[in-house]
Amino acid sequence: MLGEKLKELREARGLVQRQVAAKLNVDTAYISKMESNEKPVSRTHLKKLSKFLGINEEELLTIWLADKVYDMVKDEAVALKALLATEEQVKKNTRRP
């Protein structure tokens, strides 16, 4: 999900992969693999990408975390049950102002 979103944002701004790579100080091949979900995006790159692509960092972080969770449960028969249990646990343990 994140790779597709990053590619969409980059293209919407008329940027080429080379420009994003220069901003992150990585090679263009890494950006290509990142956008095709072959390489994970590091959390440290999220902040730079959000600023460079003009998107809220929280939105990218949400997609980044969703990708990580999905990768953990995608092959499990009880994936949805596990996600629902996790949701309940998060709700229970999240402090509200």
N, C-alpha and C. Protein backbone atom coordinates (compact mmCIF):
# COMPACT_ATOMS: atom_id res chain seq x y z
N MET A 1 0.81 -1.20 0.00
CA MET A 1 0.00 0.00 0.00
C MET A 1 0.86 1.27 0.00
N LEU A 2 1.88 1.27 0.88
CA LEU A 2 2.70 2.47 1.00
C LEU A 2 3.44 2.79 -0.29
N GLY A 3 4.00 1.78 -0.92
CA GLY A 3 4.73 2.01 -2.16
C GLY A 3 3.87 2.66 -3.22
N GLU A 4 2.65 2.16 -3.37
CA GLU A 4 1.73 2.73 -4.35
C GLU A 4 1.40 4.18 -4.02
N LYS A 5 1.20 4.46 -2.72
CA LYS A 5 0.88 5.82 -2.29
C LYS A 5 2.05 6.76 -2.57
N LEU A 6 3.26 6.31 -2.30
CA LEU A 6 4.43 7.15 -2.54
C LEU A 6 4.59 7.44 -4.03
N LYS A 7 4.37 6.44 -4.85
CA LYS A 7 4.47 6.64 -6.30
C LYS A 7 3.41 7.62 -6.78
N GLU A 8 2.20 7.46 -6.28
CA GLU A 8 1.09 8.36 -6.64
C GLU A 8 1.42 9.80 -6.27
N LEU A 9 1.94 10.00 -5.06
CA LEU A 9 2.30 11.34 -4.60
C LEU A 9 3.43 11.93 -5.44
N ARG A 10 4.44 11.10 -5.72
CA ARG A 10 5.58 11.58 -6.51
C ARG A 10 5.13 12.02 -7.89
N GLU A 11 4.34 11.17 -8.54
CA GLU A 11 3.88 11.48 -9.90
C GLU A 11 2.95 12.69 -9.91
N ALA A 12 2.12 12.83 -8.89
CA ALA A 12 1.21 13.97 -8.82
C ALA A 12 1.96 15.30 -8.72
N ARG A 13 3.17 15.24 -8.19
CA ARG A 13 3.99 16.44 -8.05
C ARG A 13 4.97 16.62 -9.21
N GLY A 14 4.89 15.72 -10.18
CA GLY A 14 5.75 15.81 -11.35
C GLY A 14 7.21 15.52 -11.06
N LEU A 15 7.46 14.72 -10.06
CA LEU A 15 8.83 14.38 -9.68
C LEU A 15 9.23 13.05 -10.31
N VAL A 16 10.52 12.89 -10.54
CA VAL A 16 11.05 11.60 -11.00
C VAL A 16 11.72 10.92 -9.82
N GLN A 17 11.90 9.62 -9.95
CA GLN A 17 12.49 8.84 -8.86
C GLN A 17 13.86 9.38 -8.46
N ARG A 18 14.60 9.86 -9.41
CA ARG A 18 15.94 10.40 -9.15
C ARG A 18 15.88 11.54 -8.12
N GLN A 19 14.85 12.38 -8.21
CA GLN A 19 14.72 13.50 -7.29
C GLN A 19 14.43 13.03 -5.86
N VAL A 20 13.58 12.03 -5.75
CA VAL A 20 13.27 11.48 -4.43
C VAL A 20 14.50 10.79 -3.85
N ALA A 21 15.20 10.05 -4.69
CA ALA A 21 16.41 9.36 -4.26
C ALA A 21 17.44 10.36 -3.73
N ALA A 22 17.61 11.46 -4.42
CA ALA A 22 18.57 12.48 -3.98
C ALA A 22 18.17 13.06 -2.63
N LYS A 23 16.89 13.27 -2.43
CA LYS A 23 16.40 13.82 -1.17
C LYS A 23 16.67 12.86 -0.01
N LEU A 24 16.55 11.55 -0.26
CA LEU A 24 16.76 10.55 0.79
C LEU A 24 18.21 10.06 0.86
N ASN A 25 19.01 10.51 -0.11
CA ASN A 25 20.41 10.09 -0.18
C ASN A 25 20.52 8.57 -0.38
N VAL A 26 19.70 8.07 -1.32
CA VAL A 26 19.73 6.65 -1.69
C VAL A 26 19.79 6.58 -3.21
N ASP A 27 19.93 5.38 -3.75
CA ASP A 27 19.97 5.29 -5.21
C ASP A 27 18.55 5.13 -5.77
N THR A 28 18.44 5.39 -7.06
CA THR A 28 17.15 5.35 -7.74
C THR A 28 16.54 3.95 -7.71
N ALA A 29 17.37 2.93 -7.75
CA ALA A 29 16.87 1.55 -7.70
C ALA A 29 16.11 1.29 -6.40
N TYR A 30 16.59 1.87 -5.31
CA TYR A 30 15.90 1.71 -4.02
C TYR A 30 14.51 2.33 -4.08
N ILE A 31 14.39 3.49 -4.68
CA ILE A 31 13.09 4.16 -4.80
C ILE A 31 12.16 3.31 -5.65
N SER A 32 12.67 2.78 -6.74
CA SER A 32 11.88 1.92 -7.61
C SER A 32 11.35 0.71 -6.85
N LYS A 33 12.21 0.07 -6.09
CA LYS A 33 11.82 -1.11 -5.32
C LYS A 33 10.89 -0.74 -4.18
N MET A 34 11.08 0.43 -3.60
CA MET A 34 10.21 0.92 -2.55
C MET A 34 8.79 1.11 -3.10
N GLU A 35 8.70 1.74 -4.25
CA GLU A 35 7.40 2.02 -4.86
C GLU A 35 6.69 0.75 -5.34
N SER A 36 7.44 -0.29 -5.64
CA SER A 36 6.83 -1.55 -6.07
C SER A 36 6.70 -2.53 -4.90
N ASN A 37 6.93 -2.04 -3.71
CA ASN A 37 6.80 -2.82 -2.47
C ASN A 37 7.76 -4.00 -2.40
N GLU A 38 8.88 -3.91 -3.11
CA GLU A 38 9.91 -4.95 -3.04
C GLU A 38 10.89 -4.69 -1.90
N LYS A 39 11.02 -3.44 -1.50
CA LYS A 39 11.90 -3.05 -0.40
C LYS A 39 11.07 -2.26 0.60
N PRO A 40 11.27 -2.52 1.89
CA PRO A 40 10.52 -1.75 2.89
C PRO A 40 11.04 -0.32 3.00
N VAL A 41 10.16 0.56 3.37
CA VAL A 41 10.52 1.96 3.62
C VAL A 41 10.92 2.05 5.08
N SER A 42 12.07 2.64 5.35
CA SER A 42 12.47 2.78 6.75
C SER A 42 11.67 3.89 7.40
N ARG A 43 11.46 3.75 8.67
CA ARG A 43 10.68 4.75 9.41
C ARG A 43 11.36 6.12 9.35
N THR A 44 12.68 6.13 9.32
CA THR A 44 13.39 7.41 9.27
C THR A 44 13.14 8.13 7.95
N HIS A 45 12.89 7.37 6.90
CA HIS A 45 12.60 8.01 5.61
C HIS A 45 11.19 8.60 5.56
N LEU A 46 10.29 8.12 6.41
CA LEU A 46 8.91 8.61 6.38
C LEU A 46 8.82 10.12 6.60
N LYS A 47 9.57 10.60 7.58
CA LYS A 47 9.53 12.04 7.89
C LYS A 47 10.00 12.87 6.70
N LYS A 48 11.11 12.47 6.11
CA LYS A 48 11.64 13.20 4.95
C LYS A 48 10.67 13.12 3.77
N LEU A 49 10.11 11.93 3.56
CA LEU A 49 9.16 11.77 2.45
C LEU A 49 7.91 12.60 2.66
N SER A 50 7.41 12.65 3.88
CA SER A 50 6.20 13.43 4.13
C SER A 50 6.43 14.91 3.84
N LYS A 51 7.56 15.41 4.26
CA LYS A 51 7.87 16.83 3.99
C LYS A 51 8.08 17.06 2.50
N PHE A 52 8.86 16.20 1.88
CA PHE A 52 9.20 16.38 0.47
C PHE A 52 7.98 16.24 -0.44
N LEU A 53 7.09 15.31 -0.10
CA LEU A 53 5.92 15.06 -0.94
C LEU A 53 4.69 15.83 -0.48
N GLY A 54 4.83 16.59 0.60
CA GLY A 54 3.74 17.45 1.06
C GLY A 54 2.53 16.68 1.59
N ILE A 55 2.79 15.68 2.40
CA ILE A 55 1.71 14.88 2.99
C ILE A 55 1.94 14.78 4.49
N ASN A 56 0.87 14.68 5.22
CA ASN A 56 0.94 14.56 6.66
C ASN A 56 1.72 13.30 7.04
N GLU A 57 2.68 13.44 7.93
CA GLU A 57 3.50 12.31 8.34
C GLU A 57 2.66 11.21 8.97
N GLU A 58 1.63 11.59 9.70
CA GLU A 58 0.75 10.60 10.35
C GLU A 58 0.05 9.71 9.32
N GLU A 59 -0.31 10.28 8.19
CA GLU A 59 -0.96 9.49 7.13
C GLU A 59 0.00 8.43 6.59
N LEU A 60 1.24 8.83 6.34
CA LEU A 60 2.23 7.86 5.86
C LEU A 60 2.54 6.82 6.93
N LEU A 61 2.65 7.24 8.18
CA LEU A 61 2.93 6.32 9.27
C LEU A 61 1.81 5.30 9.41
N THR A 62 0.58 5.73 9.25
CA THR A 62 -0.56 4.82 9.34
C THR A 62 -0.48 3.74 8.26
N ILE A 63 -0.17 4.13 7.05
CA ILE A 63 -0.05 3.16 5.95
C ILE A 63 1.15 2.25 6.19
N TRP A 64 2.26 2.82 6.66
CA TRP A 64 3.47 2.06 6.95
C TRP A 64 3.19 0.97 7.98
N LEU A 65 2.50 1.35 9.07
CA LEU A 65 2.17 0.38 10.10
C LEU A 65 1.19 -0.67 9.59
N ALA A 66 0.21 -0.25 8.81
CA ALA A 66 -0.76 -1.19 8.25
C ALA A 66 -0.06 -2.22 7.38
N ASP A 67 0.91 -1.79 6.60
CA ASP A 67 1.69 -2.73 5.78
C ASP A 67 2.42 -3.75 6.66
N LYS A 68 3.01 -3.28 7.75
CA LYS A 68 3.74 -4.18 8.64
C LYS A 68 2.81 -5.21 9.28
N VAL A 69 1.67 -4.74 9.74
CA VAL A 69 0.70 -5.65 10.36
C VAL A 69 0.20 -6.65 9.33
N TYR A 70 -0.13 -6.17 8.14
CA TYR A 70 -0.61 -7.07 7.09
C TYR A 70 0.42 -8.15 6.77
N ASP A 71 1.68 -7.76 6.65
CA ASP A 71 2.73 -8.73 6.36
C ASP A 71 2.82 -9.81 7.43
N MET A 72 2.51 -9.45 8.66
CA MET A 72 2.57 -10.43 9.75
C MET A 72 1.41 -11.42 9.72
N VAL A 73 0.23 -10.98 9.28
CA VAL A 73 -0.95 -11.84 9.41
C VAL A 73 -1.50 -12.37 8.10
N LYS A 74 -0.99 -11.93 6.98
CA LYS A 74 -1.60 -12.22 5.68
C LYS A 74 -1.81 -13.70 5.38
N ASP A 75 -0.96 -14.56 5.89
CA ASP A 75 -1.06 -15.98 5.58
C ASP A 75 -1.74 -16.79 6.69
N GLU A 76 -2.26 -16.10 7.67
CA GLU A 76 -2.89 -16.77 8.81
C GLU A 76 -4.39 -16.93 8.59
N ALA A 77 -4.91 -18.11 8.88
CA ALA A 77 -6.34 -18.38 8.73
C ALA A 77 -7.17 -17.52 9.68
N VAL A 78 -6.61 -17.15 10.79
CA VAL A 78 -7.34 -16.36 11.79
C VAL A 78 -6.91 -14.89 11.78
N ALA A 79 -6.41 -14.42 10.65
CA ALA A 79 -5.88 -13.06 10.56
C ALA A 79 -6.91 -12.02 10.99
N LEU A 80 -8.11 -12.10 10.49
CA LEU A 80 -9.12 -11.10 10.83
C LEU A 80 -9.45 -11.14 12.32
N LYS A 81 -9.58 -12.32 12.90
CA LYS A 81 -9.83 -12.44 14.33
C LYS A 81 -8.69 -11.82 15.13
N ALA A 82 -7.47 -12.07 14.70
CA ALA A 82 -6.31 -11.50 15.38
C ALA A 82 -6.32 -9.98 15.31
N LEU A 83 -6.68 -9.44 14.15
CA LEU A 83 -6.73 -7.99 14.00
C LEU A 83 -7.82 -7.38 14.87
N LEU A 84 -8.96 -8.05 14.95
CA LEU A 84 -10.05 -7.55 15.79
C LEU A 84 -9.66 -7.59 17.27
N ALA A 85 -8.97 -8.66 17.67
CA ALA A 85 -8.50 -8.76 19.05
C ALA A 85 -7.47 -7.66 19.34
N THR A 86 -6.63 -7.40 18.38
CA THR A 86 -5.64 -6.33 18.53
C THR A 86 -6.32 -4.98 18.65
N GLU A 87 -7.34 -4.76 17.83
CA GLU A 87 -8.08 -3.50 17.91
C GLU A 87 -8.66 -3.29 19.31
N GLU A 88 -9.23 -4.34 19.86
CA GLU A 88 -9.80 -4.24 21.21
C GLU A 88 -8.72 -3.94 22.24
N GLN A 89 -7.59 -4.59 22.09
CA GLN A 89 -6.48 -4.36 23.02
C GLN A 89 -5.97 -2.92 22.92
N VAL A 90 -5.86 -2.41 21.72
CA VAL A 90 -5.41 -1.04 21.53
C VAL A 90 -6.40 -0.06 22.16
N LYS A 91 -7.68 -0.29 21.92
CA LYS A 91 -8.72 0.57 22.49
C LYS A 91 -8.66 0.55 24.02
N LYS A 92 -8.47 -0.62 24.57
CA LYS A 92 -8.44 -0.79 26.03
C LYS A 92 -7.24 -0.10 26.66
N ASN A 93 -6.12 -0.13 25.95
CA ASN A 93 -4.87 0.38 26.54
C ASN A 93 -4.47 1.77 26.05
N THR A 94 -5.31 2.40 25.27
CA THR A 94 -4.99 3.74 24.78
C THR A 94 -5.63 4.76 25.70
N ARG A 95 -4.81 5.63 26.21
CA ARG A 95 -5.32 6.70 27.08
C ARG A 95 -5.99 7.77 26.24
N ARG A 96 -7.07 8.23 26.73
CA ARG A 96 -7.79 9.31 26.03
C ARG A 96 -7.76 10.55 26.91
N PRO A 97 -7.57 11.70 26.28
CA PRO A 97 -7.50 12.95 27.08
C PRO A 97 -8.81 13.30 27.74
